[in-house]
Amino acid sequence: MHDFLEKLDDEGLSLLIIKDGKTLFSSNRDGMAPLLEAIDNLGLSKLSDSIVVDKMVGKAAALLVCFFKAKEVHTRIMSLRAKEVLDKFAIKYCSEKAVPEILNKSGTDICPFERAVLDLDDPEEGYKRLASEVKRLAASRKN
């Protein structure tokens, strides 16, 4: 686990997706956009059976990882809801720290992406809702 997280730190990344020892995707951007971008650009079959290394994994990220059927998740911080989702879909994970909730950037409330999927357990539905939420937030930032 530490080798993957060290690689994340060494390369200044927030997300790294590895398959068969090769990097499929990497990003230094925060939030859900990088995972969604990986799905949209690479497709589900290419991402299937990959190892996802992410700084922080909440329920939203866990649903996306389950959507493309990764085989493992390595993270520094994982929410309890993320663990439940990964357990349900039999995806291995290891995290340095478990937290009750993933909070927004100011730490005042639950993360908006987490809130968007609170009532969901279906990865495909999670993908649709999160993709829509990312687009909505991007549009509101432009205005």
N, C-alpha and C. Protein backbone atom coordinates (compact mmCIF):
# COMPACT_ATOMS: atom_id res chain seq x y z
N MET A 1 0.82 -1.20 0.00
CA MET A 1 0.00 0.00 0.00
C MET A 1 0.86 1.26 0.00
N HIS A 2 1.87 1.27 0.84
CA HIS A 2 2.67 2.49 0.98
C HIS A 2 3.41 2.85 -0.30
N ASP A 3 3.81 1.85 -1.09
CA ASP A 3 4.48 2.15 -2.35
C ASP A 3 3.57 2.95 -3.27
N PHE A 4 2.30 2.54 -3.35
CA PHE A 4 1.34 3.26 -4.19
C PHE A 4 1.12 4.68 -3.70
N LEU A 5 0.94 4.83 -2.40
CA LEU A 5 0.70 6.17 -1.84
C LEU A 5 1.95 7.04 -1.94
N GLU A 6 3.12 6.44 -1.80
CA GLU A 6 4.36 7.20 -1.98
C GLU A 6 4.48 7.71 -3.41
N LYS A 7 4.11 6.86 -4.37
CA LYS A 7 4.15 7.26 -5.78
C LYS A 7 3.20 8.45 -6.00
N LEU A 8 2.03 8.40 -5.37
CA LEU A 8 1.08 9.50 -5.46
C LEU A 8 1.73 10.80 -4.96
N ASP A 9 2.35 10.72 -3.78
CA ASP A 9 3.00 11.89 -3.19
C ASP A 9 4.19 12.36 -4.02
N ASP A 10 5.05 11.41 -4.41
CA ASP A 10 6.25 11.76 -5.17
C ASP A 10 5.93 12.48 -6.47
N GLU A 11 4.82 12.08 -7.09
CA GLU A 11 4.46 12.67 -8.38
C GLU A 11 3.47 13.83 -8.24
N GLY A 12 3.12 14.18 -7.00
CA GLY A 12 2.20 15.30 -6.76
C GLY A 12 0.81 15.06 -7.30
N LEU A 13 0.35 13.81 -7.20
CA LEU A 13 -0.94 13.44 -7.77
C LEU A 13 -2.01 13.30 -6.70
N SER A 14 -3.26 13.39 -7.14
CA SER A 14 -4.38 13.10 -6.25
C SER A 14 -5.02 11.76 -6.62
N LEU A 15 -4.81 11.31 -7.87
CA LEU A 15 -5.39 10.06 -8.36
C LEU A 15 -4.42 9.36 -9.29
N LEU A 16 -4.33 8.06 -9.11
CA LEU A 16 -3.49 7.22 -9.95
C LEU A 16 -4.25 5.92 -10.18
N ILE A 17 -4.38 5.51 -11.44
CA ILE A 17 -5.03 4.24 -11.76
C ILE A 17 -4.02 3.39 -12.51
N ILE A 18 -3.76 2.21 -11.95
CA ILE A 18 -2.71 1.32 -12.46
C ILE A 18 -3.33 -0.02 -12.86
N LYS A 19 -2.86 -0.57 -13.96
CA LYS A 19 -3.31 -1.91 -14.38
C LYS A 19 -2.13 -2.62 -15.01
N ASP A 20 -1.91 -3.85 -14.59
CA ASP A 20 -0.80 -4.65 -15.10
C ASP A 20 0.54 -3.92 -14.97
N GLY A 21 0.71 -3.20 -13.85
CA GLY A 21 1.96 -2.50 -13.58
C GLY A 21 2.15 -1.21 -14.35
N LYS A 22 1.19 -0.83 -15.17
CA LYS A 22 1.31 0.39 -15.98
C LYS A 22 0.29 1.42 -15.52
N THR A 23 0.68 2.69 -15.58
CA THR A 23 -0.25 3.77 -15.24
C THR A 23 -1.23 3.97 -16.40
N LEU A 24 -2.52 3.80 -16.09
CA LEU A 24 -3.57 4.03 -17.09
C LEU A 24 -4.00 5.49 -17.08
N PHE A 25 -4.02 6.06 -15.87
CA PHE A 25 -4.54 7.42 -15.73
C PHE A 25 -3.95 8.04 -14.47
N SER A 26 -3.69 9.34 -14.53
CA SER A 26 -3.24 10.05 -13.34
C SER A 26 -3.75 11.49 -13.42
N SER A 27 -3.90 12.10 -12.25
CA SER A 27 -4.37 13.48 -12.20
C SER A 27 -3.90 14.13 -10.91
N ASN A 28 -3.72 15.45 -10.97
CA ASN A 28 -3.40 16.20 -9.75
C ASN A 28 -4.58 17.07 -9.32
N ARG A 29 -5.73 16.90 -10.00
CA ARG A 29 -6.92 17.67 -9.65
C ARG A 29 -7.70 16.96 -8.55
N ASP A 30 -8.36 17.76 -7.71
CA ASP A 30 -9.18 17.21 -6.62
C ASP A 30 -10.61 16.97 -7.09
N GLY A 31 -11.37 16.34 -6.23
CA GLY A 31 -12.79 16.14 -6.49
C GLY A 31 -13.08 14.91 -7.34
N MET A 32 -14.29 14.86 -7.86
CA MET A 32 -14.76 13.71 -8.63
C MET A 32 -14.38 13.79 -10.10
N ALA A 33 -14.06 14.96 -10.60
CA ALA A 33 -13.79 15.13 -12.03
C ALA A 33 -12.74 14.16 -12.57
N PRO A 34 -11.60 13.94 -11.89
CA PRO A 34 -10.62 13.01 -12.45
C PRO A 34 -11.13 11.58 -12.62
N LEU A 35 -11.85 11.05 -11.64
CA LEU A 35 -12.40 9.69 -11.78
C LEU A 35 -13.40 9.63 -12.93
N LEU A 36 -14.25 10.64 -13.03
CA LEU A 36 -15.22 10.68 -14.12
C LEU A 36 -14.51 10.80 -15.47
N GLU A 37 -13.47 11.60 -15.51
CA GLU A 37 -12.68 11.76 -16.74
C GLU A 37 -12.05 10.42 -17.15
N ALA A 38 -11.52 9.68 -16.19
CA ALA A 38 -10.93 8.37 -16.49
C ALA A 38 -11.98 7.44 -17.09
N ILE A 39 -13.18 7.41 -16.50
CA ILE A 39 -14.25 6.56 -17.02
C ILE A 39 -14.63 6.98 -18.44
N ASP A 40 -14.81 8.28 -18.64
CA ASP A 40 -15.25 8.77 -19.95
C ASP A 40 -14.18 8.59 -21.03
N ASN A 41 -12.91 8.76 -20.67
CA ASN A 41 -11.84 8.67 -21.66
C ASN A 41 -11.35 7.25 -21.93
N LEU A 42 -11.35 6.41 -20.89
CA LEU A 42 -10.79 5.06 -21.05
C LEU A 42 -11.84 3.98 -21.21
N GLY A 43 -13.01 4.19 -20.62
CA GLY A 43 -14.07 3.19 -20.72
C GLY A 43 -13.99 2.17 -19.60
N LEU A 44 -15.11 1.51 -19.35
CA LEU A 44 -15.22 0.58 -18.23
C LEU A 44 -14.33 -0.64 -18.38
N SER A 45 -14.26 -1.21 -19.58
CA SER A 45 -13.50 -2.46 -19.74
C SER A 45 -12.00 -2.24 -19.52
N LYS A 46 -11.49 -1.10 -19.97
CA LYS A 46 -10.05 -0.83 -19.78
C LYS A 46 -9.73 -0.62 -18.29
N LEU A 47 -10.67 -0.01 -17.56
CA LEU A 47 -10.45 0.27 -16.14
C LEU A 47 -10.73 -0.93 -15.24
N SER A 48 -11.45 -1.91 -15.75
CA SER A 48 -11.79 -3.10 -14.98
C SER A 48 -10.52 -3.80 -14.48
N ASP A 49 -10.56 -4.28 -13.24
CA ASP A 49 -9.42 -4.98 -12.61
C ASP A 49 -8.20 -4.10 -12.37
N SER A 50 -8.41 -2.79 -12.29
CA SER A 50 -7.30 -1.87 -12.04
C SER A 50 -7.13 -1.64 -10.54
N ILE A 51 -6.05 -0.97 -10.20
CA ILE A 51 -5.78 -0.54 -8.83
C ILE A 51 -5.94 0.98 -8.80
N VAL A 52 -6.81 1.45 -7.93
CA VAL A 52 -7.06 2.89 -7.81
C VAL A 52 -6.35 3.40 -6.56
N VAL A 53 -5.52 4.42 -6.75
CA VAL A 53 -4.81 5.05 -5.65
C VAL A 53 -5.30 6.50 -5.61
N ASP A 54 -5.98 6.84 -4.52
CA ASP A 54 -6.63 8.15 -4.42
C ASP A 54 -6.34 8.72 -3.04
N LYS A 55 -6.13 10.03 -2.95
CA LYS A 55 -5.85 10.65 -1.65
C LYS A 55 -6.96 10.39 -0.65
N MET A 56 -8.22 10.49 -1.14
CA MET A 56 -9.37 10.41 -0.25
C MET A 56 -10.50 9.68 -0.99
N VAL A 57 -11.13 8.74 -0.31
CA VAL A 57 -12.22 7.99 -0.93
C VAL A 57 -13.44 8.02 -0.02
N GLY A 58 -14.49 8.64 -0.54
CA GLY A 58 -15.79 8.62 0.12
C GLY A 58 -16.73 7.73 -0.65
N LYS A 59 -17.99 7.77 -0.28
CA LYS A 59 -18.98 6.93 -0.95
C LYS A 59 -19.06 7.24 -2.44
N ALA A 60 -18.98 8.52 -2.80
CA ALA A 60 -19.07 8.90 -4.21
C ALA A 60 -17.96 8.24 -5.03
N ALA A 61 -16.73 8.36 -4.58
CA ALA A 61 -15.60 7.74 -5.29
C ALA A 61 -15.74 6.22 -5.28
N ALA A 62 -16.18 5.65 -4.17
CA ALA A 62 -16.35 4.20 -4.08
C ALA A 62 -17.37 3.70 -5.11
N LEU A 63 -18.46 4.43 -5.29
CA LEU A 63 -19.45 4.03 -6.29
C LEU A 63 -18.84 4.04 -7.70
N LEU A 64 -18.03 5.05 -8.00
CA LEU A 64 -17.39 5.11 -9.32
C LEU A 64 -16.41 3.96 -9.51
N VAL A 65 -15.64 3.65 -8.48
CA VAL A 65 -14.68 2.54 -8.54
C VAL A 65 -15.43 1.21 -8.75
N CYS A 66 -16.57 1.06 -8.10
CA CYS A 66 -17.39 -0.14 -8.28
C CYS A 66 -18.00 -0.18 -9.67
N PHE A 67 -18.33 0.99 -10.21
CA PHE A 67 -18.92 1.09 -11.55
C PHE A 67 -17.96 0.49 -12.58
N PHE A 68 -16.67 0.77 -12.46
CA PHE A 68 -15.75 0.19 -13.44
C PHE A 68 -15.05 -1.06 -12.94
N LYS A 69 -15.46 -1.55 -11.78
CA LYS A 69 -15.00 -2.84 -11.26
C LYS A 69 -13.48 -2.92 -11.07
N ALA A 70 -12.95 -1.94 -10.36
CA ALA A 70 -11.53 -1.99 -9.99
C ALA A 70 -11.33 -3.20 -9.07
N LYS A 71 -10.09 -3.64 -8.94
CA LYS A 71 -9.87 -4.78 -8.03
C LYS A 71 -9.39 -4.34 -6.66
N GLU A 72 -8.78 -3.15 -6.57
CA GLU A 72 -8.26 -2.66 -5.29
C GLU A 72 -8.33 -1.15 -5.23
N VAL A 73 -8.43 -0.65 -3.99
CA VAL A 73 -8.37 0.79 -3.74
C VAL A 73 -7.38 1.02 -2.61
N HIS A 74 -6.47 1.97 -2.81
CA HIS A 74 -5.50 2.38 -1.79
C HIS A 74 -5.70 3.87 -1.54
N THR A 75 -5.81 4.25 -0.27
CA THR A 75 -6.07 5.66 0.02
C THR A 75 -5.52 6.04 1.40
N ARG A 76 -5.34 7.32 1.58
CA ARG A 76 -4.94 7.83 2.90
C ARG A 76 -6.15 7.89 3.83
N ILE A 77 -7.27 8.40 3.29
CA ILE A 77 -8.49 8.62 4.10
C ILE A 77 -9.68 8.00 3.40
N MET A 78 -10.46 7.21 4.15
CA MET A 78 -11.66 6.59 3.59
C MET A 78 -12.82 6.76 4.56
N SER A 79 -13.99 7.07 4.00
CA SER A 79 -15.17 7.19 4.85
C SER A 79 -15.75 5.81 5.15
N LEU A 80 -16.52 5.75 6.22
CA LEU A 80 -17.17 4.49 6.58
C LEU A 80 -18.17 4.06 5.52
N ARG A 81 -18.85 5.02 4.90
CA ARG A 81 -19.79 4.69 3.82
C ARG A 81 -19.06 4.10 2.62
N ALA A 82 -17.87 4.60 2.33
CA ALA A 82 -17.08 4.05 1.22
C ALA A 82 -16.73 2.59 1.51
N LYS A 83 -16.35 2.30 2.74
CA LYS A 83 -16.03 0.92 3.11
C LYS A 83 -17.22 0.00 2.88
N GLU A 84 -18.42 0.47 3.27
CA GLU A 84 -19.63 -0.33 3.07
C GLU A 84 -19.86 -0.65 1.59
N VAL A 85 -19.69 0.35 0.74
CA VAL A 85 -19.90 0.16 -0.71
C VAL A 85 -18.87 -0.82 -1.26
N LEU A 86 -17.61 -0.62 -0.92
CA LEU A 86 -16.55 -1.51 -1.44
C LEU A 86 -16.74 -2.93 -0.93
N ASP A 87 -17.14 -3.08 0.32
CA ASP A 87 -17.43 -4.41 0.86
C ASP A 87 -18.56 -5.08 0.08
N LYS A 88 -19.62 -4.32 -0.18
CA LYS A 88 -20.79 -4.86 -0.88
C LYS A 88 -20.41 -5.39 -2.26
N PHE A 89 -19.48 -4.72 -2.93
CA PHE A 89 -19.09 -5.12 -4.28
C PHE A 89 -17.76 -5.90 -4.30
N ALA A 90 -17.33 -6.34 -3.12
CA ALA A 90 -16.15 -7.21 -2.97
C ALA A 90 -14.89 -6.64 -3.62
N ILE A 91 -14.66 -5.35 -3.40
CA ILE A 91 -13.43 -4.72 -3.88
C ILE A 91 -12.52 -4.52 -2.67
N LYS A 92 -11.29 -5.02 -2.79
CA LYS A 92 -10.32 -4.90 -1.69
C LYS A 92 -9.92 -3.44 -1.51
N TYR A 93 -9.62 -3.08 -0.29
CA TYR A 93 -9.18 -1.71 -0.03
C TYR A 93 -8.26 -1.68 1.18
N CYS A 94 -7.45 -0.65 1.22
CA CYS A 94 -6.68 -0.36 2.42
C CYS A 94 -6.56 1.16 2.53
N SER A 95 -6.72 1.62 3.75
CA SER A 95 -6.62 3.05 4.00
C SER A 95 -5.84 3.27 5.29
N GLU A 96 -5.20 4.42 5.36
CA GLU A 96 -4.44 4.76 6.56
C GLU A 96 -5.37 5.24 7.68
N LYS A 97 -6.50 5.84 7.29
CA LYS A 97 -7.38 6.43 8.29
C LYS A 97 -8.83 6.31 7.83
N ALA A 98 -9.72 5.95 8.76
CA ALA A 98 -11.16 5.91 8.47
C ALA A 98 -11.83 7.10 9.16
N VAL A 99 -12.74 7.73 8.45
CA VAL A 99 -13.48 8.88 8.99
C VAL A 99 -14.98 8.64 8.80
N PRO A 100 -15.80 9.25 9.67
CA PRO A 100 -17.25 9.06 9.52
C PRO A 100 -17.78 9.64 8.20
N GLU A 101 -17.29 10.81 7.82
CA GLU A 101 -17.77 11.51 6.61
C GLU A 101 -16.62 12.19 5.90
N ILE A 102 -16.78 12.36 4.59
CA ILE A 102 -15.89 13.24 3.83
C ILE A 102 -16.56 14.61 3.83
N LEU A 103 -15.83 15.61 4.25
CA LEU A 103 -16.39 16.96 4.38
C LEU A 103 -16.06 17.82 3.16
N ASN A 104 -16.76 18.93 3.05
CA ASN A 104 -16.47 19.89 1.99
C ASN A 104 -15.11 20.55 2.26
N LYS A 105 -14.65 21.34 1.30
CA LYS A 105 -13.31 21.94 1.41
C LYS A 105 -13.14 22.82 2.64
N SER A 106 -14.22 23.48 3.07
CA SER A 106 -14.13 24.34 4.25
C SER A 106 -14.33 23.57 5.56
N GLY A 107 -14.69 22.30 5.46
CA GLY A 107 -14.85 21.46 6.65
C GLY A 107 -16.10 21.75 7.46
N THR A 108 -17.07 22.41 6.84
CA THR A 108 -18.26 22.84 7.57
C THR A 108 -19.47 21.93 7.36
N ASP A 109 -19.42 21.07 6.36
CA ASP A 109 -20.57 20.24 6.03
C ASP A 109 -20.07 19.04 5.22
N ILE A 110 -20.97 18.09 4.99
CA ILE A 110 -20.64 16.93 4.17
C ILE A 110 -20.31 17.40 2.74
N CYS A 111 -19.37 16.73 2.11
CA CYS A 111 -18.97 17.02 0.73
C CYS A 111 -20.20 16.98 -0.19
N PRO A 112 -20.32 17.92 -1.13
CA PRO A 112 -21.49 17.93 -2.01
C PRO A 112 -21.63 16.66 -2.85
N PHE A 113 -20.51 16.04 -3.21
CA PHE A 113 -20.58 14.79 -3.98
C PHE A 113 -21.09 13.65 -3.11
N GLU A 114 -20.69 13.65 -1.85
CA GLU A 114 -21.19 12.64 -0.91
C GLU A 114 -22.70 12.81 -0.72
N ARG A 115 -23.12 14.06 -0.55
CA ARG A 115 -24.55 14.35 -0.37
C ARG A 115 -25.34 13.89 -1.59
N ALA A 116 -24.77 14.06 -2.78
CA ALA A 116 -25.47 13.69 -4.02
C ALA A 116 -25.78 12.20 -4.12
N VAL A 117 -25.00 11.37 -3.43
CA VAL A 117 -25.19 9.91 -3.54
C VAL A 117 -25.59 9.26 -2.22
N LEU A 118 -25.95 10.03 -1.24
CA LEU A 118 -26.31 9.47 0.08
C LEU A 118 -27.36 8.37 -0.02
N ASP A 119 -28.34 8.55 -0.90
CA ASP A 119 -29.45 7.61 -0.98
C ASP A 119 -29.23 6.50 -2.01
N LEU A 120 -28.04 6.41 -2.60
CA LEU A 120 -27.79 5.44 -3.67
C LEU A 120 -26.90 4.28 -3.23
N ASP A 121 -27.15 3.13 -3.84
CA ASP A 121 -26.26 1.97 -3.68
C ASP A 121 -25.87 1.39 -5.03
N ASP A 122 -26.43 1.93 -6.11
CA ASP A 122 -26.18 1.42 -7.45
C ASP A 122 -25.06 2.23 -8.12
N PRO A 123 -23.94 1.56 -8.45
CA PRO A 123 -22.81 2.28 -9.05
C PRO A 123 -23.14 3.02 -10.35
N GLU A 124 -23.94 2.42 -11.21
CA GLU A 124 -24.27 3.08 -12.47
C GLU A 124 -25.08 4.35 -12.22
N GLU A 125 -26.04 4.26 -11.32
CA GLU A 125 -26.83 5.43 -10.94
C GLU A 125 -25.93 6.49 -10.30
N GLY A 126 -24.97 6.05 -9.48
CA GLY A 126 -24.01 6.96 -8.87
C GLY A 126 -23.20 7.70 -9.92
N TYR A 127 -22.75 6.96 -10.94
CA TYR A 127 -21.99 7.57 -12.04
C TYR A 127 -22.82 8.67 -12.71
N LYS A 128 -24.07 8.35 -13.04
CA LYS A 128 -24.94 9.33 -13.73
C LYS A 128 -25.15 10.57 -12.87
N ARG A 129 -25.43 10.36 -11.61
CA ARG A 129 -25.71 11.50 -10.73
C ARG A 129 -24.45 12.34 -10.51
N LEU A 130 -23.31 11.70 -10.32
CA LEU A 130 -22.06 12.44 -10.09
C LEU A 130 -21.62 13.19 -11.34
N ALA A 131 -21.77 12.58 -12.50
CA ALA A 131 -21.42 13.27 -13.76
C ALA A 131 -22.27 14.53 -13.91
N SER A 132 -23.54 14.41 -13.58
CA SER A 132 -24.44 15.54 -13.65
C SER A 132 -24.06 16.62 -12.64
N GLU A 133 -23.69 16.22 -11.44
CA GLU A 133 -23.31 17.15 -10.38
C GLU A 133 -22.02 17.91 -10.75
N VAL A 134 -21.04 17.21 -11.32
CA VAL A 134 -19.79 17.86 -11.74
C VAL A 134 -20.08 18.91 -12.81
N LYS A 135 -20.93 18.56 -13.76
CA LYS A 135 -21.29 19.53 -14.82
C LYS A 135 -22.02 20.73 -14.22
N ARG A 136 -22.94 20.48 -13.29
CA ARG A 136 -23.70 21.56 -12.66
C ARG A 136 -22.76 22.51 -11.90
N LEU A 137 -21.84 21.95 -11.14
CA LEU A 137 -20.90 22.78 -10.37
C LEU A 137 -19.96 23.56 -11.28
N ALA A 138 -19.50 22.93 -12.35
CA ALA A 138 -18.62 23.62 -13.31
C ALA A 138 -19.36 24.80 -13.95
N ALA A 139 -20.62 24.59 -14.30
CA ALA A 139 -21.41 25.67 -14.92
C ALA A 139 -21.65 26.81 -13.92
N SER A 140 -21.88 26.47 -12.66
CA SER A 140 -22.14 27.52 -11.66
C SER A 140 -20.87 28.33 -11.36
N ARG A 141 -19.71 27.72 -11.53
CA ARG A 141 -18.44 28.45 -11.32
C ARG A 141 -18.19 29.44 -12.45
N LYS A 142 -18.65 29.10 -13.65
CA LYS A 142 -18.45 29.98 -14.80
C LYS A 142 -19.34 31.22 -14.72
N ASN A 143 -20.47 31.09 -14.07
CA ASN A 143 -21.43 32.22 -13.99
C ASN A 143 -21.06 33.19 -12.90
